[in-house]
Amino acid sequence: MPQNTSDTLASLLESVIEDTDGADVHFKLRTALQLLDVVRVRNERISETLSDVDLDDDLEERLRELGYVE
């Protein structure tokens, strides 16, 4: 199953947490993982909202190219 960008970032952050020591570094990396989850949820909501809207064909194509709609 292909991973998307946020899955790849999460995997990289998790592996760095496992490979490093230091409470400060782990705190920053865990915070980055939490922020990544916030962005994921936000993007899912945006995608759901856009899928419910009747979009102009040109706008829909541009949003598809940018990865906002499927």
Protein backbone atom coordinates (compact mmCIF):
# COMPACT_ATOMS: atom_id res chain seq x y z
CA MET A 1 0.00 0.00 0.00
CA PRO A 2 1.56 3.32 -1.04
CA GLN A 3 2.15 5.84 1.71
CA ASN A 4 1.18 9.45 1.42
CA THR A 5 3.48 12.28 2.46
CA SER A 6 2.13 12.60 6.00
CA ASP A 7 2.50 8.84 6.58
CA THR A 8 6.10 9.03 5.39
CA LEU A 9 6.81 12.00 7.66
CA ALA A 10 5.26 10.21 10.65
CA SER A 11 7.33 7.12 9.95
CA LEU A 12 10.52 9.16 9.72
CA LEU A 13 9.77 11.04 12.94
CA GLU A 14 8.95 7.82 14.79
CA SER A 15 12.18 6.18 13.64
CA VAL A 16 14.22 9.18 14.75
CA ILE A 17 12.54 9.03 18.18
CA GLU A 18 13.60 5.39 18.45
CA ASP A 19 17.16 6.13 17.32
CA THR A 20 17.85 9.12 19.57
CA ASP A 21 18.22 9.83 23.25
CA GLY A 22 17.34 12.95 25.11
CA ALA A 23 14.09 14.14 26.61
CA ASP A 24 14.26 17.51 24.84
CA VAL A 25 14.70 15.93 21.42
CA HIS A 26 11.94 13.39 22.04
CA PHE A 27 9.59 16.14 23.22
CA LYS A 28 10.18 18.15 20.05
CA LEU A 29 9.73 15.11 17.81
CA ARG A 30 6.53 14.03 19.58
CA THR A 31 5.24 17.59 19.26
CA ALA A 32 5.97 17.45 15.53
CA LEU A 33 4.00 14.17 15.30
CA GLN A 34 1.05 15.79 17.09
CA LEU A 35 1.13 18.79 14.76
CA LEU A 36 1.24 16.43 11.80
CA ASP A 37 -1.95 14.78 13.08
CA VAL A 38 -3.60 18.21 13.34
CA VAL A 39 -2.70 18.91 9.71
CA ARG A 40 -4.02 15.49 8.63
CA VAL A 41 -7.39 16.09 10.30
CA ARG A 42 -7.61 19.59 8.84
CA ASN A 43 -6.86 18.31 5.34
CA GLU A 44 -9.42 15.49 5.70
CA ARG A 45 -12.09 18.03 6.70
CA ILE A 46 -11.18 20.28 3.79
CA SER A 47 -11.38 17.33 1.38
CA GLU A 48 -14.76 16.28 2.77
CA THR A 49 -16.09 19.83 2.49
CA LEU A 50 -14.83 20.21 -1.07
CA SER A 51 -16.35 16.88 -2.09
CA ASP A 52 -19.77 18.16 -0.95
CA VAL A 53 -19.51 21.37 -3.02
CA ASP A 54 -20.39 21.76 -6.69
CA LEU A 55 -17.17 23.19 -8.13
CA ASP A 56 -16.41 24.85 -11.44
CA ASP A 57 -14.63 22.34 -13.71
CA ASP A 58 -11.44 24.43 -13.97
CA LEU A 59 -11.29 25.00 -10.22
CA GLU A 60 -11.93 21.32 -9.52
CA GLU A 61 -9.10 20.33 -11.87
CA ARG A 62 -6.67 22.78 -10.20
CA LEU A 63 -7.63 21.50 -6.75
CA ARG A 64 -7.14 17.92 -7.96
CA GLU A 65 -3.67 18.77 -9.31
CA LEU A 66 -2.78 20.26 -5.92
CA GLY A 67 -4.02 17.15 -4.13
CA TYR A 68 -6.99 18.72 -2.35
CA VAL A 69 -9.62 16.55 -4.06
CA GLU A 70 -9.49 13.10 -5.59
